[in-house]
Amino acid sequence: MGTPVRGLTVLYDAQCSLCVHLRSWLLRQRQLVPLDMVPAESAEARRRYPRLDHAATLREITVIGDRGQVYTGPAAWIICLWALAEYRPKAHWLATPAGLPFVRVTMLAAARYREATAAGGAVASPCDDRCSVPG
């Protein structure tokens, strides 16, 4: 059996309006596992996690567990929901083969939103071409 997760650090793009909104939403939820929000590629992120590819953390959500576990992509979204009291049962379902397609669609929609706002779409956003569509 693995070591329980007692805290998570979420690296988020502080220049992206969607990322900042999601950060605020996560912080308003009742947390079963504390979430610490740190801007991706910041001095603090680099100090805490010197071995990470910090440029990649701007392209894809990255969550780090208190024991050094690194979650990216769908796993990062799921672990964030798992940390929340109201969403833990949903996170368990999303981690199943039946639930993973929903995570991928959500990630694709978020990436497309970031891409559209970066390209001068209808919604203003400071995102630039760092916003990418996951594979």
Protein backbone atom coordinates (compact mmCIF):
# COMPACT_ATOMS: atom_id res chain seq x y z
CA MET A 1 0.00 0.00 0.00
CA GLY A 2 1.29 3.48 -0.86
CA THR A 3 1.89 6.38 1.47
CA PRO A 4 -1.21 8.56 1.95
CA VAL A 5 -1.22 12.01 0.38
CA ARG A 6 -1.50 14.68 3.07
CA GLY A 7 -0.99 17.77 0.93
CA LEU A 8 -0.89 18.80 -2.71
CA THR A 9 0.73 21.71 -4.50
CA VAL A 10 -1.03 22.87 -7.66
CA LEU A 11 1.13 24.74 -10.15
CA TYR A 12 -1.09 27.06 -12.18
CA ASP A 13 -0.51 29.65 -14.91
CA ALA A 14 -0.99 32.96 -13.09
CA GLN A 15 -1.16 34.78 -16.45
CA CYS A 16 -4.17 32.78 -17.66
CA SER A 17 -7.64 34.00 -16.67
CA LEU A 18 -9.09 30.48 -16.81
CA CYS A 19 -6.30 29.09 -14.60
CA VAL A 20 -6.73 31.91 -12.08
CA HIS A 21 -10.49 31.31 -12.03
CA LEU A 22 -10.00 27.57 -11.43
CA ARG A 23 -7.48 28.33 -8.69
CA SER A 24 -10.04 30.54 -6.93
CA TRP A 25 -12.74 27.89 -7.35
CA LEU A 26 -10.52 25.18 -5.85
CA LEU A 27 -9.68 27.38 -2.87
CA ARG A 28 -13.39 28.01 -2.15
CA GLN A 29 -14.14 24.28 -1.88
CA ARG A 30 -13.96 22.25 1.33
CA GLN A 31 -10.67 20.37 1.12
CA LEU A 32 -10.04 16.91 2.54
CA VAL A 33 -6.41 17.26 1.47
CA PRO A 34 -4.94 20.78 1.65
CA LEU A 35 -4.20 22.40 -1.72
CA ASP A 36 -1.34 24.87 -1.92
CA MET A 37 -1.48 27.02 -5.06
CA VAL A 38 1.81 28.21 -6.53
CA PRO A 39 2.27 30.06 -9.82
CA ALA A 40 3.95 27.82 -12.39
CA GLU A 41 7.48 28.79 -13.38
CA SER A 42 7.68 31.20 -10.41
CA ALA A 43 10.74 31.57 -8.18
CA GLU A 44 8.81 29.71 -5.47
CA ALA A 45 7.98 26.79 -7.81
CA ARG A 46 11.62 26.61 -8.93
CA ARG A 47 12.84 26.69 -5.32
CA ARG A 48 10.47 23.93 -4.19
CA TYR A 49 10.82 21.71 -7.26
CA PRO A 50 14.21 22.30 -8.91
CA ARG A 51 14.05 19.07 -10.96
CA LEU A 52 10.73 19.84 -12.67
CA ASP A 53 10.47 20.95 -16.29
CA HIS A 54 9.02 24.32 -15.36
CA ALA A 55 8.24 25.35 -18.93
CA ALA A 56 6.04 22.24 -19.21
CA THR A 57 4.10 23.26 -16.09
CA LEU A 58 2.80 26.26 -18.01
CA ARG A 59 1.47 24.04 -20.81
CA GLU A 60 -0.13 21.37 -18.66
CA ILE A 61 -1.51 21.36 -15.14
CA THR A 62 0.99 19.85 -12.71
CA VAL A 63 0.23 18.78 -9.15
CA ILE A 64 2.86 17.62 -6.69
CA GLY A 65 2.10 15.47 -3.66
CA ASP A 66 3.76 15.99 -0.30
CA ARG A 67 5.83 12.82 -0.82
CA GLY A 68 7.11 13.92 -4.23
CA GLN A 69 4.39 12.35 -6.38
CA VAL A 70 3.96 14.27 -9.66
CA TYR A 71 0.60 14.28 -11.43
CA THR A 72 0.09 15.80 -14.88
CA GLY A 73 -2.66 15.74 -17.48
CA PRO A 74 -5.84 13.84 -16.57
CA ALA A 75 -4.30 12.52 -13.33
CA ALA A 76 -3.65 16.09 -12.14
CA TRP A 77 -7.27 17.14 -12.73
CA ILE A 78 -8.53 14.01 -10.99
CA ILE A 79 -6.25 14.41 -7.95
CA CYS A 80 -7.45 18.01 -7.51
CA LEU A 81 -11.07 16.83 -7.44
CA TRP A 82 -10.10 13.93 -5.16
CA ALA A 83 -8.78 16.45 -2.62
CA LEU A 84 -12.22 18.10 -2.38
CA ALA A 85 -14.92 16.78 -0.05
CA GLU A 86 -17.81 17.26 -2.45
CA TYR A 87 -15.99 15.88 -5.50
CA ARG A 88 -14.07 12.88 -4.14
CA PRO A 89 -16.70 10.33 -5.25
CA LYS A 90 -16.73 11.91 -8.73
CA ALA A 91 -12.92 11.75 -8.83
CA HIS A 92 -13.01 8.04 -8.10
CA TRP A 93 -15.41 7.55 -11.01
CA LEU A 94 -13.40 9.82 -13.34
CA ALA A 95 -10.33 7.65 -12.69
CA THR A 96 -12.10 4.61 -14.16
CA PRO A 97 -12.04 3.63 -17.84
CA ALA A 98 -15.64 4.89 -18.08
CA GLY A 99 -14.77 8.28 -16.57
CA LEU A 100 -11.45 9.07 -18.27
CA PRO A 101 -13.06 10.16 -21.58
CA PHE A 102 -14.93 12.89 -19.65
CA VAL A 103 -11.66 14.15 -18.17
CA ARG A 104 -10.05 14.24 -21.61
CA VAL A 105 -12.99 16.14 -23.12
CA THR A 106 -12.91 18.65 -20.27
CA MET A 107 -9.16 19.14 -20.69
CA LEU A 108 -9.57 19.57 -24.43
CA ALA A 109 -12.31 22.18 -23.92
CA ALA A 110 -10.14 24.07 -21.42
CA ALA A 111 -7.13 23.98 -23.74
CA ARG A 112 -9.23 25.19 -26.66
CA TYR A 113 -10.59 28.02 -24.53
CA ARG A 114 -7.06 29.02 -23.58
CA GLU A 115 -5.97 28.75 -27.21
CA ALA A 116 -8.91 30.86 -28.42
CA THR A 117 -8.35 33.56 -25.83
CA ALA A 118 -4.62 33.58 -26.58
CA ALA A 119 -5.35 34.08 -30.28
CA GLY A 120 -7.37 37.21 -29.60
CA GLY A 121 -10.74 35.50 -29.28
CA ALA A 122 -13.83 37.12 -27.83
CA VAL A 123 -12.66 36.69 -24.23
CA ALA A 124 -9.60 38.71 -23.26
CA SER A 125 -6.83 36.67 -21.63
CA PRO A 126 -3.13 37.16 -21.06
CA CYS A 127 -2.42 33.58 -22.25
CA ASP A 128 0.03 33.34 -25.11
CA ASP A 129 1.04 30.39 -27.28
CA ARG A 130 2.01 28.43 -24.13
CA CYS A 131 -1.62 27.29 -23.98
CA SER A 132 -1.72 23.95 -25.71
CA VAL A 133 -4.24 21.29 -26.55
CA PRO A 134 -3.44 17.99 -24.78
CA GLY A 135 -2.89 14.88 -26.88
